[in-house]
Amino acid sequence: MTTPIVIIGAGLGGLTLARVLHVHGIPATIYEAEASSGARAQGGQLDIHEHNGQLALRAAGLYDEFRAHIREGAEAQRILDTDGSVLLDHPDDGTGHRPEILRGDLRQLLIDSLPADTITWGHKLTAVRRLSDGRHELTFAPGETVVAEVLVGADGAWSRVRSLVSEAVPEYTGTAVYETYLYDVDERHAATAKAVGAGAMYALVPGRGIQAHREAGGVLHTYVMLAKPLDWFADINFSDAEAAARRVVAEFDGWAPELTALITDGETPPVLRPLHTLPLGHHWARVPGVTLIGDAAHLQPPNGEGANLAMFDGAELGKALAAHPDDVEAALTEYEQALFPRTLAENEEAARDFEIIFGANTPQSMLELFAAAG
């Protein structure tokens, strides 16, 4: 079977691409390894930025629907010392430009905006073979084989499609995230809920930190940052939640109990997320019939831009394909010529942000950043 446009991955980038193409009357097929849209939790709250994520949603014709899902007041931010004292409290006064939405809600909004047959679930890409004239033969775990006239890798950090254009492999940053949740926090974890406040909370020292984000329904989403080698984490049994929490919280000895409770009182199995990056300014020579978007193209340290960039990539690629309906190579060339300098600038900013937030001068460097921003 030959399919004109195949997108690998039903994340935010791939879905945005498919939606923008649909708006322009161009069909596409997404193949996704997960069995369904509800196969796993979709992560936490995202702030959607004016200069990329919001532009993508406008191009997709979904901006008004997006606004209906945002959580008012969620742009509040605070920085705490290790003893729980407040170093900075930046309330959400309604003048911010980065509205917050749960990743799962945003993903479902995009899924619902597509024709029902756009996404083929439960199809994990296992092999890709280059054919003639820019076409590619794709083999999926169920045994099905498809030929793509245009192939887009929206398949994340460990993209299989990437190998068609680049030999780059993600490298460990030296920092990993331990993630868990608390529920009904205002009733059951009142001191911790008060410490976190209405939005995002940061309590950081060089090499480690506790972050939390308040989500709808009295939920606190915890991200514990630890600068440790992967071998250190390999010695922890994360299937034993209590033992894992004891090992991690030991790195925060002497910190305020309302902060360490974000670790010890976690109510979901902890998830370890080692942070990886692609080389600064990752790019590739033009390869006929294939390109990348999102983390597959430019995996970088987390700074709030990843989802926004993936969506923007998808929208820009969709617009380029719509503008050159009879010349795919012109569309892909136009897209990549804009992508590569944008990627370099974003990678450099992400590296700076990561150092400000988690580097040797935190939390002072974060306080200075907020002061400079007014």
Foldseek 3Di string as FASTA:
>chain_A
DEFAEEEEALALLSLLLQLLLVVLVHAYAYEYQAQDLVRDADDFKAFAADVFQLVSCVSSVCNVVVVVAFDPFAVWEWEAELQLHTPDTRTCPPPDGGTMHTSSVSSVSSCVSDPVRRYDYNWAWDDWDADPPQKIWTATPVGDIYIYQAYEYAPAQQTPQLVVFDPWHWDFPQKKKKKFKDAPCVPPVVLLDVSCDRYKYWHAAAAWTWIWGDDPHRMIIIIIMGRHDPVVVVVFDLVPLQRNLVVRCVVSPPGHPSRSCNRNVGDDRIDMGGAIWTPQLADGDDDGRYDYAFNSGTRAADDSCRSRRSSRLSSQLSVLCSVCVPDNSSSVVVSRVVVRVVSNVVRVVRVVRCCLRHNNDPPVSVVVVVVVVD
